PDB file of N, CA and C in Angstrom:
ATOM      1  N   UNK A   1     -84.313   2.655 -39.676  1.00  0.00           N
ATOM      2  CA  UNK A   1     -84.551   1.306 -40.169  1.00  0.00           C
ATOM      3  C   UNK A   1     -84.438   0.330 -39.005  1.00  0.00           C
ATOM      4  N   UNK A   2     -85.419  -0.522 -38.888  1.00  0.00           N
ATOM      5  CA  UNK A   2     -85.417  -1.527 -37.833  1.00  0.00           C
ATOM      6  C   UNK A   2     -84.370  -2.599 -38.143  1.00  0.00           C
ATOM      7  N   UNK A   3     -83.949  -3.270 -37.097  1.00  0.00           N
ATOM      8  CA  UNK A   3     -82.980  -4.350 -37.287  1.00  0.00           C
ATOM      9  C   UNK A   3     -83.609  -5.452 -38.137  1.00  0.00           C
ATOM     10  N   UNK A   4     -82.808  -6.044 -38.979  1.00  0.00           N
ATOM     11  CA  UNK A   4     -83.289  -7.096 -39.887  1.00  0.00           C
ATOM     12  C   UNK A   4     -83.841  -8.284 -39.112  1.00  0.00           C
ATOM     13  N   UNK A   5     -83.260  -8.567 -37.942  1.00  0.00           N
ATOM     14  CA  UNK A   5     -83.717  -9.709 -37.153  1.00  0.00           C
ATOM     15  C   UNK A   5     -85.139  -9.499 -36.640  1.00  0.00           C
ATOM     16  N   UNK A   6     -85.486  -8.249 -36.283  1.00  0.00           N
ATOM     17  CA  UNK A   6     -86.836  -7.964 -35.797  1.00  0.00           C
ATOM     18  C   UNK A   6     -87.859  -8.069 -36.916  1.00  0.00           C
ATOM     19  N   UNK A   7     -87.480  -7.610 -38.089  1.00  0.00           N
ATOM     20  CA  UNK A   7     -88.373  -7.712 -39.249  1.00  0.00           C
ATOM     21  C   UNK A   7     -88.583  -9.180 -39.619  1.00  0.00           C
ATOM     22  N   UNK A   8     -87.512  -9.963 -39.567  1.00  0.00           N
ATOM     23  CA  UNK A   8     -87.600 -11.387 -39.885  1.00  0.00           C
ATOM     24  C   UNK A   8     -88.442 -12.135 -38.856  1.00  0.00           C
ATOM     25  N   UNK A   9     -88.293 -11.772 -37.595  1.00  0.00           N
ATOM     26  CA  UNK A   9     -89.071 -12.406 -36.529  1.00  0.00           C
ATOM     27  C   UNK A   9     -90.559 -12.146 -36.721  1.00  0.00           C
ATOM     28  N   UNK A  10     -90.882 -10.917 -37.094  1.00  0.00           N
ATOM     29  CA  UNK A  10     -92.282 -10.558 -37.311  1.00  0.00           C
ATOM     30  C   UNK A  10     -92.858 -11.312 -38.512  1.00  0.00           C
ATOM     31  N   UNK A  11     -92.060 -11.481 -39.563  1.00  0.00           N
ATOM     32  CA  UNK A  11     -92.504 -12.231 -40.742  1.00  0.00           C
ATOM     33  C   UNK A  11     -92.737 -13.700 -40.383  1.00  0.00           C
ATOM     34  N   UNK A  12     -91.881 -14.227 -39.533  1.00  0.00           N
ATOM     35  CA  UNK A  12     -92.014 -15.615 -39.093  1.00  0.00           C
ATOM     36  C   UNK A  12     -93.302 -15.797 -38.279  1.00  0.00           C
ATOM     37  N   UNK A  13     -93.595 -14.821 -37.418  1.00  0.00           N
ATOM     38  CA  UNK A  13     -94.835 -14.875 -36.640  1.00  0.00           C
ATOM     39  C   UNK A  13     -96.061 -14.817 -37.542  1.00  0.00           C
ATOM     40  N   UNK A  14     -96.015 -13.946 -38.536  1.00  0.00           N
ATOM     41  CA  UNK A  14     -97.135 -13.796 -39.473  1.00  0.00           C
ATOM     42  C   UNK A  14     -97.408 -15.113 -40.193  1.00  0.00           C
ATOM     43  N   UNK A  15     -96.329 -15.769 -40.602  1.00  0.00           N
ATOM     44  CA  UNK A  15     -96.441 -17.046 -41.296  1.00  0.00           C
ATOM     45  C   UNK A  15     -97.066 -18.108 -40.374  1.00  0.00           C
ATOM     46  N   UNK A  16     -96.651 -18.091 -39.099  1.00  0.00           N
ATOM     47  CA  UNK A  16     -97.159 -19.062 -38.138  1.00  0.00           C
ATOM     48  C   UNK A  16     -98.639 -18.804 -37.816  1.00  0.00           C
ATOM     49  N   UNK A  17     -99.027 -17.541 -37.722  1.00  0.00           N
ATOM     50  CA  UNK A  17    -100.429 -17.195 -37.472  1.00  0.00           C
ATOM     51  C   UNK A  17    -101.293 -17.717 -38.612  1.00  0.00           C
ATOM     52  N   UNK A  18    -100.848 -17.519 -39.845  1.00  0.00           N
ATOM     53  CA  UNK A  18    -101.599 -17.994 -41.006  1.00  0.00           C
ATOM     54  C   UNK A  18    -101.704 -19.519 -41.025  1.00  0.00           C
ATOM     55  N   UNK A  19    -100.623 -20.177 -40.622  1.00  0.00           N
ATOM     56  CA  UNK A  19    -100.577 -21.642 -40.634  1.00  0.00           C
ATOM     57  C   UNK A  19    -101.579 -22.244 -39.644  1.00  0.00           C
ATOM     58  N   UNK A  20    -101.675 -21.666 -38.448  1.00  0.00           N
ATOM     59  CA  UNK A  20    -102.505 -22.236 -37.392  1.00  0.00           C
ATOM     60  C   UNK A  20    -103.882 -21.586 -37.262  1.00  0.00           C
ATOM     61  N   UNK A  21    -104.239 -20.660 -38.124  1.00  0.00           N
ATOM     62  CA  UNK A  21    -105.500 -19.924 -37.993  1.00  0.00           C
ATOM     63  C   UNK A  21    -106.711 -20.853 -38.008  1.00  0.00           C
ATOM     64  N   UNK A  22    -106.766 -21.771 -38.950  1.00  0.00           N
ATOM     65  CA  UNK A  22    -107.910 -22.676 -39.068  1.00  0.00           C
ATOM     66  C   UNK A  22    -107.997 -23.592 -37.850  1.00  0.00           C
ATOM     67  N   UNK A  23    -106.873 -24.156 -37.427  1.00  0.00           N
ATOM     68  CA  UNK A  23    -106.856 -25.060 -36.275  1.00  0.00           C
ATOM     69  C   UNK A  23    -107.298 -24.334 -35.003  1.00  0.00           C
ATOM     70  N   UNK A  24    -106.813 -23.106 -34.811  1.00  0.00           N
ATOM     71  CA  UNK A  24    -107.197 -22.310 -33.642  1.00  0.00           C
ATOM     72  C   UNK A  24    -108.706 -22.058 -33.622  1.00  0.00           C
ATOM     73  N   UNK A  25    -109.240 -21.742 -34.794  1.00  0.00           N
ATOM     74  CA  UNK A  25    -110.681 -21.460 -34.897  1.00  0.00           C
ATOM     75  C   UNK A  25    -111.496 -22.693 -34.520  1.00  0.00           C
ATOM     76  N   UNK A  26    -111.101 -23.854 -35.036  1.00  0.00           N
ATOM     77  CA  UNK A  26    -111.814 -25.095 -34.738  1.00  0.00           C
ATOM     78  C   UNK A  26    -111.756 -25.443 -33.258  1.00  0.00           C
ATOM     79  N   UNK A  27    -110.575 -25.305 -32.659  1.00  0.00           N
ATOM     80  CA  UNK A  27    -110.422 -25.644 -31.244  1.00  0.00           C
ATOM     81  C   UNK A  27    -111.216 -24.691 -30.356  1.00  0.00           C
ATOM     82  N   UNK A  28    -111.281 -23.421 -30.731  1.00  0.00           N
ATOM     83  CA  UNK A  28    -112.050 -22.460 -29.944  1.00  0.00           C
ATOM     84  C   UNK A  28    -113.543 -22.756 -30.028  1.00  0.00           C
ATOM     85  N   UNK A  29    -114.014 -23.145 -31.217  1.00  0.00           N
ATOM     86  CA  UNK A  29    -115.429 -23.479 -31.380  1.00  0.00           C
ATOM     87  C   UNK A  29    -115.813 -24.705 -30.552  1.00  0.00           C
ATOM     88  N   UNK A  30    -114.905 -25.687 -30.490  1.00  0.00           N
ATOM     89  CA  UNK A  30    -115.150 -26.892 -29.695  1.00  0.00           C
ATOM     90  C   UNK A  30    -115.043 -26.591 -28.198  1.00  0.00           C
ATOM     91  N   UNK A  31    -114.257 -25.599 -27.849  1.00  0.00           N
ATOM     92  CA  UNK A  31    -114.022 -25.288 -26.437  1.00  0.00           C
ATOM     93  C   UNK A  31    -112.908 -26.133 -25.851  1.00  0.00           C
ATOM     94  N   UNK A  32    -112.076 -26.674 -26.715  1.00  0.00           N
ATOM     95  CA  UNK A  32    -110.956 -27.530 -26.286  1.00  0.00           C
ATOM     96  C   UNK A  32    -109.733 -26.654 -25.985  1.00  0.00           C
ATOM     97  N   UNK A  33    -109.722 -26.079 -24.799  1.00  0.00           N
ATOM     98  CA  UNK A  33    -108.665 -25.131 -24.454  1.00  0.00           C
ATOM     99  C   UNK A  33    -107.355 -25.814 -24.073  1.00  0.00           C
ATOM    100  N   UNK A  34    -107.411 -27.077 -23.696  1.00  0.00           N
ATOM    101  CA  UNK A  34    -106.164 -27.796 -23.394  1.00  0.00           C
ATOM    102  C   UNK A  34    -105.376 -28.052 -24.671  1.00  0.00           C
ATOM    103  N   UNK A  35    -106.062 -28.401 -25.742  1.00  0.00           N
ATOM    104  CA  UNK A  35    -105.391 -28.608 -27.029  1.00  0.00           C
ATOM    105  C   UNK A  35    -104.892 -27.270 -27.582  1.00  0.00           C
ATOM    106  N   UNK A  36    -105.621 -26.200 -27.272  1.00  0.00           N
ATOM    107  CA  UNK A  36    -105.231 -24.864 -27.709  1.00  0.00           C
ATOM    108  C   UNK A  36    -103.917 -24.444 -27.054  1.00  0.00           C
ATOM    109  N   UNK A  37    -103.684 -24.941 -25.846  1.00  0.00           N
ATOM    110  CA  UNK A  37    -102.444 -24.624 -25.128  1.00  0.00           C
ATOM    111  C   UNK A  37    -101.222 -25.276 -25.780  1.00  0.00           C
ATOM    112  N   UNK A  38    -101.443 -26.368 -26.516  1.00  0.00           N
ATOM    113  CA  UNK A  38    -100.323 -27.077 -27.137  1.00  0.00           C
ATOM    114  C   UNK A  38     -99.820 -26.399 -28.416  1.00  0.00           C
ATOM    115  N   UNK A  39    -100.630 -25.490 -28.952  1.00  0.00           N
ATOM    116  CA  UNK A  39    -100.220 -24.735 -30.143  1.00  0.00           C
ATOM    117  C   UNK A  39     -99.144 -23.723 -29.736  1.00  0.00           C
ATOM    118  N   UNK A  40     -98.164 -23.437 -30.590  1.00  0.00           N
ATOM    119  CA  UNK A  40     -97.121 -22.459 -30.240  1.00  0.00           C
ATOM    120  C   UNK A  40     -97.705 -21.087 -29.889  1.00  0.00           C
ATOM    121  N   UNK A  41     -97.054 -20.401 -28.959  1.00  0.00           N
ATOM    122  CA  UNK A  41     -97.527 -19.088 -28.520  1.00  0.00           C
ATOM    123  C   UNK A  41     -97.537 -18.084 -29.660  1.00  0.00           C
ATOM    124  N   UNK A  42     -96.557 -18.164 -30.539  1.00  0.00           N
ATOM    125  CA  UNK A  42     -96.463 -17.204 -31.639  1.00  0.00           C
ATOM    126  C   UNK A  42     -97.526 -17.417 -32.713  1.00  0.00           C
ATOM    127  N   UNK A  43     -98.356 -18.430 -32.552  1.00  0.00           N
ATOM    128  CA  UNK A  43     -99.447 -18.660 -33.504  1.00  0.00           C
ATOM    129  C   UNK A  43    -100.653 -17.783 -33.183  1.00  0.00           C
ATOM    130  N   UNK A  44    -100.593 -17.072 -32.076  1.00  0.00           N
ATOM    131  CA  UNK A  44    -101.692 -16.202 -31.689  1.00  0.00           C
ATOM    132  C   UNK A  44    -101.597 -14.873 -32.435  1.00  0.00           C
ATOM    133  N   UNK A  45    -102.694 -14.413 -33.055  1.00  0.00           N
ATOM    134  CA  UNK A  45    -102.650 -13.146 -33.800  1.00  0.00           C
ATOM    135  C   UNK A  45    -102.411 -11.926 -32.914  1.00  0.00           C
ATOM    136  N   UNK A  46    -102.620 -12.077 -31.615  1.00  0.00           N
ATOM    137  CA  UNK A  46    -102.407 -10.971 -30.686  1.00  0.00           C
ATOM    138  C   UNK A  46    -100.921 -10.596 -30.610  1.00  0.00           C
ATOM    139  N   UNK A  47    -100.060 -11.542 -30.897  1.00  0.00           N
ATOM    140  CA  UNK A  47     -98.619 -11.297 -30.775  1.00  0.00           C
ATOM    141  C   UNK A  47     -98.021 -10.566 -31.976  1.00  0.00           C
ATOM    142  N   UNK A  48     -98.820 -10.372 -33.021  1.00  0.00           N
ATOM    143  CA  UNK A  48     -98.326  -9.651 -34.194  1.00  0.00           C
ATOM    144  C   UNK A  48     -98.187  -8.164 -33.879  1.00  0.00           C
ATOM    145  N   UNK A  49     -97.212  -7.536 -34.510  1.00  0.00           N
ATOM    146  CA  UNK A  49     -96.970  -6.103 -34.328  1.00  0.00           C
ATOM    147  C   UNK A  49     -96.981  -5.462 -35.707  1.00  0.00           C
ATOM    148  N   UNK A  50     -97.768  -4.399 -35.863  1.00  0.00           N
ATOM    149  CA  UNK A  50     -97.794  -3.696 -37.138  1.00  0.00           C
ATOM    150  C   UNK A  50     -96.460  -3.011 -37.368  1.00  0.00           C
ATOM    151  N   UNK A  51     -95.877  -3.227 -38.543  1.00  0.00           N
ATOM    152  CA  UNK A  51     -94.606  -2.598 -38.881  1.00  0.00           C
ATOM    153  C   UNK A  51     -94.698  -1.957 -40.255  1.00  0.00           C
ATOM    154  N   UNK A  52     -93.950  -0.875 -40.408  1.00  0.00           N
ATOM    155  CA  UNK A  52     -93.878  -0.159 -41.675  1.00  0.00           C
ATOM    156  C   UNK A  52     -93.319  -1.090 -42.750  1.00  0.00           C
ATOM    157  N   UNK A  53     -93.933  -1.084 -43.921  1.00  0.00           N
ATOM    158  CA  UNK A  53     -93.470  -1.934 -45.017  1.00  0.00           C
ATOM    159  C   UNK A  53     -92.131  -1.472 -45.572  1.00  0.00           C
ATOM    160  N   UNK A  54     -91.826  -0.184 -45.452  1.00  0.00           N
ATOM    161  CA  UNK A  54     -90.600   0.365 -46.016  1.00  0.00           C
ATOM    162  C   UNK A  54     -89.444   0.288 -45.025  1.00  0.00           C
ATOM    163  N   UNK A  55     -89.658   0.827 -43.820  1.00  0.00           N
ATOM    164  CA  UNK A  55     -88.561   0.944 -42.862  1.00  0.00           C
ATOM    165  C   UNK A  55     -88.590  -0.107 -41.756  1.00  0.00           C
ATOM    166  N   UNK A  56     -89.729  -0.745 -41.538  1.00  0.00           N
ATOM    167  CA  UNK A  56     -89.837  -1.731 -40.467  1.00  0.00           C
ATOM    168  C   UNK A  56     -90.104  -1.110 -39.110  1.00  0.00           C
ATOM    169  N   UNK A  57     -90.343   0.199 -39.074  1.00  0.00           N
ATOM    170  CA  UNK A  57     -90.573   0.906 -37.816  1.00  0.00           C
ATOM    171  C   UNK A  57     -91.894   0.436 -37.181  1.00  0.00           C
ATOM    172  N   UNK A  58     -91.874   0.084 -35.866  1.00  0.00           N
ATOM    173  CA  UNK A  58     -93.080  -0.418 -35.229  1.00  0.00           C
ATOM    174  C   UNK A  58     -94.011   0.656 -34.676  1.00  0.00           C
ATOM    175  N   UNK A  59     -93.510   1.853 -34.487  1.00  0.00           N
ATOM    176  CA  UNK A  59     -94.331   2.917 -33.907  1.00  0.00           C
ATOM    177  C   UNK A  59     -94.711   3.944 -34.965  1.00  0.00           C
ATOM    178  N   UNK A  60     -95.789   4.658 -34.708  1.00  0.00           N
ATOM    179  CA  UNK A  60     -96.243   5.671 -35.655  1.00  0.00           C
ATOM    180  C   UNK A  60     -96.715   5.055 -36.957  1.00  0.00           C
ATOM    181  N   UNK A  61     -97.411   3.937 -36.862  1.00  0.00           N
ATOM    182  CA  UNK A  61     -97.846   3.156 -38.026  1.00  0.00           C
ATOM    183  C   UNK A  61     -99.243   3.583 -38.446  1.00  0.00           C
ATOM    184  N   UNK A  62     -99.437   3.900 -39.718  1.00  0.00           N
ATOM    185  CA  UNK A  62    -100.754   4.234 -40.261  1.00  0.00           C
ATOM    186  C   UNK A  62    -101.308   3.006 -40.970  1.00  0.00           C
ATOM    187  N   UNK A  63    -102.360   2.431 -40.415  1.00  0.00           N
ATOM    188  CA  UNK A  63    -102.933   1.210 -40.973  1.00  0.00           C
ATOM    189  C   UNK A  63    -103.424   1.387 -42.394  1.00  0.00           C
ATOM    190  N   UNK A  64    -104.037   2.513 -42.650  1.00  0.00           N
ATOM    191  CA  UNK A  64    -104.632   2.754 -43.967  1.00  0.00           C
ATOM    192  C   UNK A  64    -103.587   2.664 -45.078  1.00  0.00           C
ATOM    193  N   UNK A  65    -102.366   3.079 -44.785  1.00  0.00           N
ATOM    194  CA  UNK A  65    -101.309   3.092 -45.799  1.00  0.00           C
ATOM    195  C   UNK A  65    -100.274   1.993 -45.596  1.00  0.00           C
ATOM    196  N   UNK A  66    -100.186   1.436 -44.394  1.00  0.00           N
ATOM    197  CA  UNK A  66     -99.232   0.369 -44.113  1.00  0.00           C
ATOM    198  C   UNK A  66     -97.809   0.848 -43.936  1.00  0.00           C
ATOM    199  N   UNK A  67     -97.644   2.145 -43.662  1.00  0.00           N
ATOM    200  CA  UNK A  67     -96.310   2.708 -43.479  1.00  0.00           C
ATOM    201  C   UNK A  67     -96.284   3.590 -42.237  1.00  0.00           C
ATOM    202  N   UNK A  68     -95.077   3.925 -41.795  1.00  0.00           N
ATOM    203  CA  UNK A  68     -94.931   4.762 -40.606  1.00  0.00           C
ATOM    204  C   UNK A  68     -95.141   6.227 -40.974  1.00  0.00           C
ATOM    205  N   UNK A  69     -95.311   7.053 -39.975  1.00  0.00           N
ATOM    206  CA  UNK A  69     -95.572   8.476 -40.175  1.00  0.00           C
ATOM    207  C   UNK A  69     -94.414   9.180 -40.867  1.00  0.00           C
ATOM    208  N   UNK A  70     -93.191   8.727 -40.598  1.00  0.00           N
ATOM    209  CA  UNK A  70     -92.018   9.357 -41.196  1.00  0.00           C
ATOM    210  C   UNK A  70     -91.932   9.060 -42.693  1.00  0.00           C
ATOM    211  N   UNK A  71     -92.144   7.812 -43.042  1.00  0.00           N
ATOM    212  CA  UNK A  71     -92.122   7.413 -44.449  1.00  0.00           C
ATOM    213  C   UNK A  71     -93.306   8.037 -45.176  1.00  0.00           C
ATOM    214  N   UNK A  72     -94.462   8.099 -44.485  1.00  0.00           N
ATOM    215  CA  UNK A  72     -95.651   8.717 -45.064  1.00  0.00           C
ATOM    216  C   UNK A  72     -95.365  10.169 -45.445  1.00  0.00           C
ATOM    217  N   UNK A  73     -94.737  10.890 -44.546  1.00  0.00           N
ATOM    218  CA  UNK A  73     -94.448  12.310 -44.801  1.00  0.00           C
ATOM    219  C   UNK A  73     -93.510  12.479 -45.990  1.00  0.00           C
ATOM    220  N   UNK A  74     -92.460  11.667 -46.030  1.00  0.00           N
ATOM    221  CA  UNK A  74     -91.509  11.736 -47.150  1.00  0.00           C
ATOM    222  C   UNK A  74     -92.200  11.448 -48.479  1.00  0.00           C
ATOM    223  N   UNK A  75     -93.003  10.393 -48.501  1.00  0.00           N
ATOM    224  CA  UNK A  75     -93.682  10.003 -49.734  1.00  0.00           C
ATOM    225  C   UNK A  75     -94.727  11.043 -50.147  1.00  0.00           C
ATOM    226  N   UNK A  76     -95.418  11.616 -49.168  1.00  0.00           N
ATOM    227  CA  UNK A  76     -96.435  12.630 -49.465  1.00  0.00           C
ATOM    228  C   UNK A  76     -95.788  13.888 -50.045  1.00  0.00           C
ATOM    229  N   UNK A  77     -94.665  14.288 -49.499  1.00  0.00           N
ATOM    230  CA  UNK A  77     -93.983  15.480 -50.004  1.00  0.00           C
ATOM    231  C   UNK A  77     -93.429  15.270 -51.414  1.00  0.00           C
ATOM    232  N   UNK A  78     -93.045  14.043 -51.716  1.00  0.00           N
ATOM    233  CA  UNK A  78     -92.556  13.731 -53.066  1.00  0.00           C
ATOM    234  C   UNK A  78     -93.704  13.538 -54.054  1.00  0.00           C
ATOM    235  N   UNK A  79     -94.938  13.423 -53.530  1.00  0.00           N
ATOM    236  CA  UNK A  79     -96.107  13.215 -54.389  1.00  0.00           C
ATOM    237  C   UNK A  79     -96.300  11.770 -54.788  1.00  0.00           C
ATOM    238  N   UNK A  80     -95.775  10.841 -54.004  1.00  0.00           N
ATOM    239  CA  UNK A  80     -95.862   9.420 -54.334  1.00  0.00           C
ATOM    240  C   UNK A  80     -97.144   8.768 -53.831  1.00  0.00           C
ATOM    241  N   UNK A  81     -97.913   9.473 -52.996  1.00  0.00           N
ATOM    242  CA  UNK A  81     -99.178   8.940 -52.496  1.00  0.00           C
ATOM    243  C   UNK A  81    -100.303   9.726 -53.159  1.00  0.00           C
ATOM    244  N   UNK A  82    -101.108   9.088 -53.993  1.00  0.00           N
ATOM    245  CA  UNK A  82    -102.170   9.797 -54.708  1.00  0.00           C
ATOM    246  C   UNK A  82    -103.206  10.390 -53.751  1.00  0.00           C
ATOM    247  N   UNK A  83    -103.611  11.612 -54.031  1.00  0.00           N
ATOM    248  CA  UNK A  83    -104.652  12.264 -53.247  1.00  0.00           C
ATOM    249  C   UNK A  83    -104.192  12.924 -51.977  1.00  0.00           C
ATOM    250  N   UNK A  84    -102.906  12.857 -51.679  1.00  0.00           N
ATOM    251  CA  UNK A  84    -102.373  13.454 -50.459  1.00  0.00           C
ATOM    252  C   UNK A  84    -101.495  14.649 -50.840  1.00  0.00           C
ATOM    253  N   UNK A  85    -101.774  15.784 -50.183  1.00  0.00           N
ATOM    254  CA  UNK A  85    -100.904  16.934 -50.386  1.00  0.00           C
ATOM    255  C   UNK A  85    -100.804  17.696 -49.068  1.00  0.00           C
ATOM    256  N   UNK A  86     -99.748  18.431 -48.910  1.00  0.00           N
ATOM    257  CA  UNK A  86     -99.516  19.190 -47.683  1.00  0.00           C
ATOM    258  C   UNK A  86    -100.491  20.353 -47.634  1.00  0.00           C
ATOM    259  N   UNK A  87    -101.147  20.490 -46.497  1.00  0.00           N
ATOM    260  CA  UNK A  87    -102.113  21.573 -46.376  1.00  0.00           C
ATOM    261  C   UNK A  87    -101.437  22.857 -45.930  1.00  0.00           C
ATOM    262  N   UNK A  88    -101.992  23.973 -46.341  1.00  0.00           N
ATOM    263  CA  UNK A  88    -101.526  25.265 -45.863  1.00  0.00           C
ATOM    264  C   UNK A  88    -102.710  26.230 -45.875  1.00  0.00           C
ATOM    265  N   UNK A  89    -102.776  27.067 -44.869  1.00  0.00           N
ATOM    266  CA  UNK A  89    -103.863  28.032 -44.796  1.00  0.00           C
ATOM    267  C   UNK A  89    -103.407  29.298 -44.168  1.00  0.00           C
TER     268      UNK A  89
END
C-alpha cells in the first residue's frame, strides 16, 4: 500500500489538471506561452502518475483495468474480474 500522502498528492494534482485544462488549451491555441508559464506546474497533465485504485501502487499499472499487476492477480484468482481466468496448458 502506498503512503496516504502520495495518494493524496496525486489526487490533488488530478483536481488541478481538471481545473486548468480549458485555460491551458486556450493559451496554447493563442500561442501565449508567457501566460502559460504563470499557471501552476502541477496543472500540467504530464505530471500525473497512474496509480492503482485499490493499493495506490505506481508501478505495474494496467490501464485497461486501472489496477496494479498484484491486485489484478489477486482479483483474477478470486474470480472478481469477469472474463479473466488463469491459463494452463
